Protein backbone atom coordinates (compact mmCIF):
# COMPACT_ATOMS: atom_id res chain seq x y z
CA MET A 1 10.32 67.34 70.37
CA GLN A 2 12.24 65.64 67.61
CA ILE A 3 15.96 66.38 67.23
CA TYR A 4 17.37 65.93 63.71
CA LYS A 5 20.85 64.51 63.28
CA ASN A 6 21.63 67.27 60.73
CA ARG A 7 20.03 69.23 57.87
CA GLU A 8 20.54 66.29 55.50
CA ALA A 9 18.46 64.03 57.74
CA ALA A 10 15.69 66.63 57.94
CA GLY A 11 15.68 66.91 54.14
CA GLN A 12 15.34 63.16 53.77
CA LEU A 13 12.38 63.11 56.11
CA LEU A 14 10.69 65.93 54.14
CA ALA A 15 11.33 64.05 50.91
CA LEU A 16 9.33 61.14 52.23
CA ARG A 17 6.37 63.44 52.86
CA LEU A 18 6.74 64.87 49.35
CA SER A 19 7.05 61.58 47.50
CA ASN A 20 4.00 62.27 45.30
CA TYR A 21 6.02 65.01 43.57
CA ALA A 22 8.83 62.66 42.51
CA ASN A 23 9.83 62.86 38.85
CA LYS A 24 7.30 65.61 38.08
CA GLU A 25 8.46 67.68 35.13
CA ASN A 26 6.60 70.84 36.29
CA THR A 27 8.05 70.73 39.86
CA LEU A 28 11.23 72.14 41.31
CA VAL A 29 12.80 72.77 44.72
CA LEU A 30 14.06 76.17 45.89
CA GLY A 31 16.35 76.39 48.91
CA ILE A 32 16.89 79.56 50.95
CA PRO A 33 20.67 79.92 51.45
CA ARG A 34 22.54 78.96 53.20
CA GLY A 35 21.11 76.22 55.47
CA GLY A 36 17.94 75.75 53.49
CA VAL A 37 19.92 74.68 50.41
CA VAL A 38 21.35 71.65 52.33
CA VAL A 39 17.80 70.53 53.19
CA ALA A 40 16.52 71.31 49.69
CA TYR A 41 19.32 69.38 48.04
CA GLN A 42 18.21 66.16 49.76
CA ILE A 43 14.61 66.70 48.61
CA ALA A 44 15.67 67.40 45.00
CA LYS A 45 17.92 64.35 45.00
CA LYS A 46 15.32 61.96 46.45
CA LEU A 47 12.51 63.21 44.20
CA ASN A 48 14.65 63.55 41.10
CA ILE A 49 13.56 67.13 40.40
CA PRO A 50 15.61 70.32 39.74
CA LEU A 51 17.18 72.36 42.53
CA ASP A 52 17.61 76.13 42.54
CA ILE A 53 17.92 78.93 45.15
CA VAL A 54 15.96 82.00 46.16
CA ILE A 55 18.06 84.44 48.14
CA THR A 56 16.33 86.61 50.71
CA ARG A 57 18.07 88.55 53.46
CA LYS A 58 16.91 89.60 56.89
CA ILE A 59 16.72 93.35 57.73
CA GLY A 60 17.97 93.51 61.29
CA ALA A 61 17.11 96.09 63.95
CA PRO A 62 19.78 98.82 64.43
CA THR A 63 20.72 97.71 67.93
CA GLN A 64 19.68 94.06 67.58
CA PRO A 65 20.97 92.73 64.26
CA GLU A 66 19.53 89.25 64.93
CA LEU A 67 15.98 90.67 65.31
CA ALA A 68 14.26 90.59 61.93
CA LEU A 69 12.24 93.75 61.24
CA GLY A 70 11.67 92.48 57.68
CA ALA A 71 13.42 90.78 54.81
CA LEU A 72 14.60 91.76 51.33
CA ASP A 73 13.92 89.70 48.15
CA PRO A 74 16.07 89.54 44.97
CA ARG A 75 14.13 92.30 43.20
CA GLY A 76 14.78 94.72 46.12
CA GLU A 77 11.32 94.60 47.66
CA VAL A 78 11.10 94.43 51.44
CA PHE A 79 8.54 92.47 53.46
CA TRP A 80 8.13 94.41 56.73
CA ASP A 81 6.94 93.25 60.14
CA GLN A 82 4.80 96.29 60.64
CA ASN A 83 3.77 95.37 64.19
CA LEU A 84 7.41 95.02 65.27
CA LEU A 85 8.38 98.35 63.64
CA MET A 86 5.56 100.08 65.58
CA GLU A 87 6.41 98.31 68.80
CA LEU A 88 10.04 99.36 68.68
CA GLY A 89 9.33 102.81 67.29
CA ILE A 90 11.63 102.29 64.33
CA LYS A 91 11.16 104.20 61.08
CA LYS A 92 12.00 102.63 57.73
CA ASP A 93 14.31 105.50 56.78
CA GLN A 94 16.54 104.46 59.69
CA LEU A 95 17.22 101.20 57.84
CA VAL A 96 18.29 102.54 54.46
CA ASP A 97 21.97 101.59 55.04
CA GLU A 98 21.03 98.12 56.20
CA ILE A 99 18.80 97.60 53.13
CA GLU A 100 21.57 98.64 50.81
CA ALA A 101 24.06 96.33 52.55
CA GLN A 102 21.67 93.41 52.17
CA LYS A 103 21.02 94.22 48.51
CA LYS A 104 24.76 93.97 47.89
CA GLU A 105 24.91 90.67 49.79
CA ILE A 106 22.11 89.21 47.65
CA GLN A 107 23.95 90.26 44.52
CA ARG A 108 27.20 88.77 45.85
CA ARG A 109 25.57 85.44 46.60
CA GLU A 110 23.67 85.35 43.27
CA THR A 111 26.96 85.77 41.39
CA LEU A 112 28.95 83.39 43.59
CA TYR A 113 26.43 80.57 43.90
CA ARG A 114 25.12 80.52 40.33
CA LYS A 115 28.37 81.05 38.43
CA ASP A 116 27.15 80.92 34.80
CA ARG A 117 23.91 79.13 35.66
CA LEU A 118 20.71 81.06 34.93
CA PRO A 119 17.78 80.94 37.42
CA LEU A 120 15.17 78.28 36.62
CA ASP A 121 11.93 79.51 35.09
CA ILE A 122 9.22 79.02 37.72
CA THR A 123 6.29 80.53 35.77
CA GLY A 124 3.35 78.19 36.24
CA LYS A 125 5.49 75.61 38.01
CA VAL A 126 4.94 73.78 41.30
CA VAL A 127 7.62 75.26 43.61
CA ILE A 128 8.69 73.52 46.82
CA LEU A 129 10.23 76.25 49.00
CA VAL A 130 12.60 74.99 51.67
CA ASP A 131 14.42 76.28 54.70
CA ASP A 132 16.00 74.53 57.68
CA GLY A 133 13.52 76.06 60.12
CA ILE A 134 11.44 79.24 60.57
CA ALA A 135 11.78 81.39 63.66
CA THR A 136 10.15 84.73 62.62
CA GLY A 137 8.99 84.02 59.05
CA ALA A 138 10.35 87.24 57.51
CA THR A 139 12.78 85.69 55.06
CA VAL A 140 10.35 83.00 54.05
CA GLN A 141 7.50 85.48 53.52
CA ALA A 142 9.84 87.62 51.39
CA ALA A 143 10.57 84.50 49.33
CA ILE A 144 6.88 83.69 48.98
CA ASN A 145 6.11 87.22 47.80
CA TYR A 146 8.88 86.93 45.25
CA LEU A 147 7.60 83.59 43.92
CA LYS A 148 4.15 85.11 43.54
CA TYR A 149 5.70 88.02 41.62
CA LEU A 150 7.34 85.49 39.30
CA LYS A 151 3.92 83.82 38.85
CA ALA A 152 4.69 80.41 40.35
CA GLY A 153 1.81 77.98 39.73
CA ARG A 154 1.68 76.53 43.22
CA ILE A 155 3.84 77.16 46.26
CA ILE A 156 4.53 74.38 48.77
CA LEU A 157 6.40 75.24 51.92
CA ALA A 158 8.50 72.35 53.25
CA ILE A 159 10.04 72.99 56.67
CA PRO A 160 11.47 70.72 59.42
CA VAL A 161 10.27 72.92 62.29
CA LEU A 162 7.93 75.91 62.57
CA SER A 163 6.28 77.85 65.39
CA LYS A 164 2.47 78.11 65.60
CA GLU A 165 2.75 81.89 65.72
CA VAL A 166 4.47 81.99 62.35
CA LEU A 167 2.06 79.40 60.92
CA ASN A 168 -0.81 81.80 61.54
CA ILE A 169 1.04 84.46 59.51
CA LEU A 170 2.02 82.22 56.58
CA ASP A 171 -0.93 79.87 56.24
CA SER A 172 -3.09 82.01 53.95
CA ASN A 173 -0.21 82.87 51.60
CA ILE A 174 0.71 79.49 50.24
CA ASP A 175 -0.98 76.47 48.65
CA GLU A 176 0.36 73.65 50.78
CA MET A 177 2.56 73.19 53.88
CA ILE A 178 4.66 70.16 54.81
CA ILE A 179 5.79 70.76 58.37
CA LEU A 180 7.59 67.98 60.29
CA GLN A 181 7.24 69.72 63.66
CA LEU A 182 4.87 72.46 64.73
CA VAL A 183 5.86 73.87 68.12
CA GLU A 184 4.45 76.49 70.49
CA TYR A 185 7.76 78.33 70.87
CA LEU A 186 10.65 77.82 68.54
CA GLY A 187 13.50 79.88 70.06
CA ALA A 188 16.66 78.94 68.17
CA VAL A 189 16.27 76.72 65.09
CA GLY A 190 19.59 75.11 65.94
CA SER A 191 18.19 73.62 69.13
CA PHE A 192 16.30 71.11 66.95
CA TYR A 193 19.49 69.76 65.38
CA GLU A 194 22.42 67.75 66.79
CA ASP A 195 24.64 69.24 64.08
CA PHE A 196 23.72 72.78 63.04
CA HIS A 197 27.07 74.06 61.91
CA PRO A 198 27.21 77.26 59.86
CA ILE A 199 26.99 76.50 56.16
CA SER A 200 29.73 78.02 54.06
CA ASP A 201 29.48 79.58 50.62
CA GLU A 202 31.61 76.73 49.36
CA GLU A 203 29.12 74.11 50.56
CA VAL A 204 26.29 75.91 48.74
CA ILE A 205 28.36 76.15 45.56
CA ALA A 206 29.15 72.46 45.72
CA LEU A 207 25.47 71.49 46.15
CA MET A 208 24.43 73.71 43.27
CA ALA A 209 27.12 72.28 41.07
CA SER A 210 26.12 68.65 41.79
CA SER A 211 22.39 69.14 41.50
């Protein structure tokens, strides 16, 4: 088990594995806020390619907010974990308020993080999708679905740590995976970092502004 000093260190290690994409005009990096943007910034900086964000939000269970039943993408589409919904006996209409709350949060973050900056055009581009780790895969799968909707040319998933269970779910949906650590059981993503402090809106804004 490898422990990363922080998200920046994990991003630098991923950049080494992605070096063949350096200075490519048709390639860009998309970070999933908030933590994924810190990792993505290091990749974009090292490879000298553009950085942008794709904001997806977890749909938590009514009595267990940290348990992802699905995830919402920027167009308002939800990727559902159908097996988990059935296992818990939860109906989608029980989650209407949660979905609306997460739609508002996506809109808030889009406005706050982008300022006057328009989203990058990803049509036909090679997109490197980045997060700081994947525990359940819901938010990443929602992002992948959104990128396919926007007609990305190729999707490369670059992740410091991922569980084998999630790998089996995601593997057929993307073109390439760069995974630094593949583990049997992930648990908490933060357990793979010495420093895993919560990333603030201000940190994301600063990274976007300097990219």
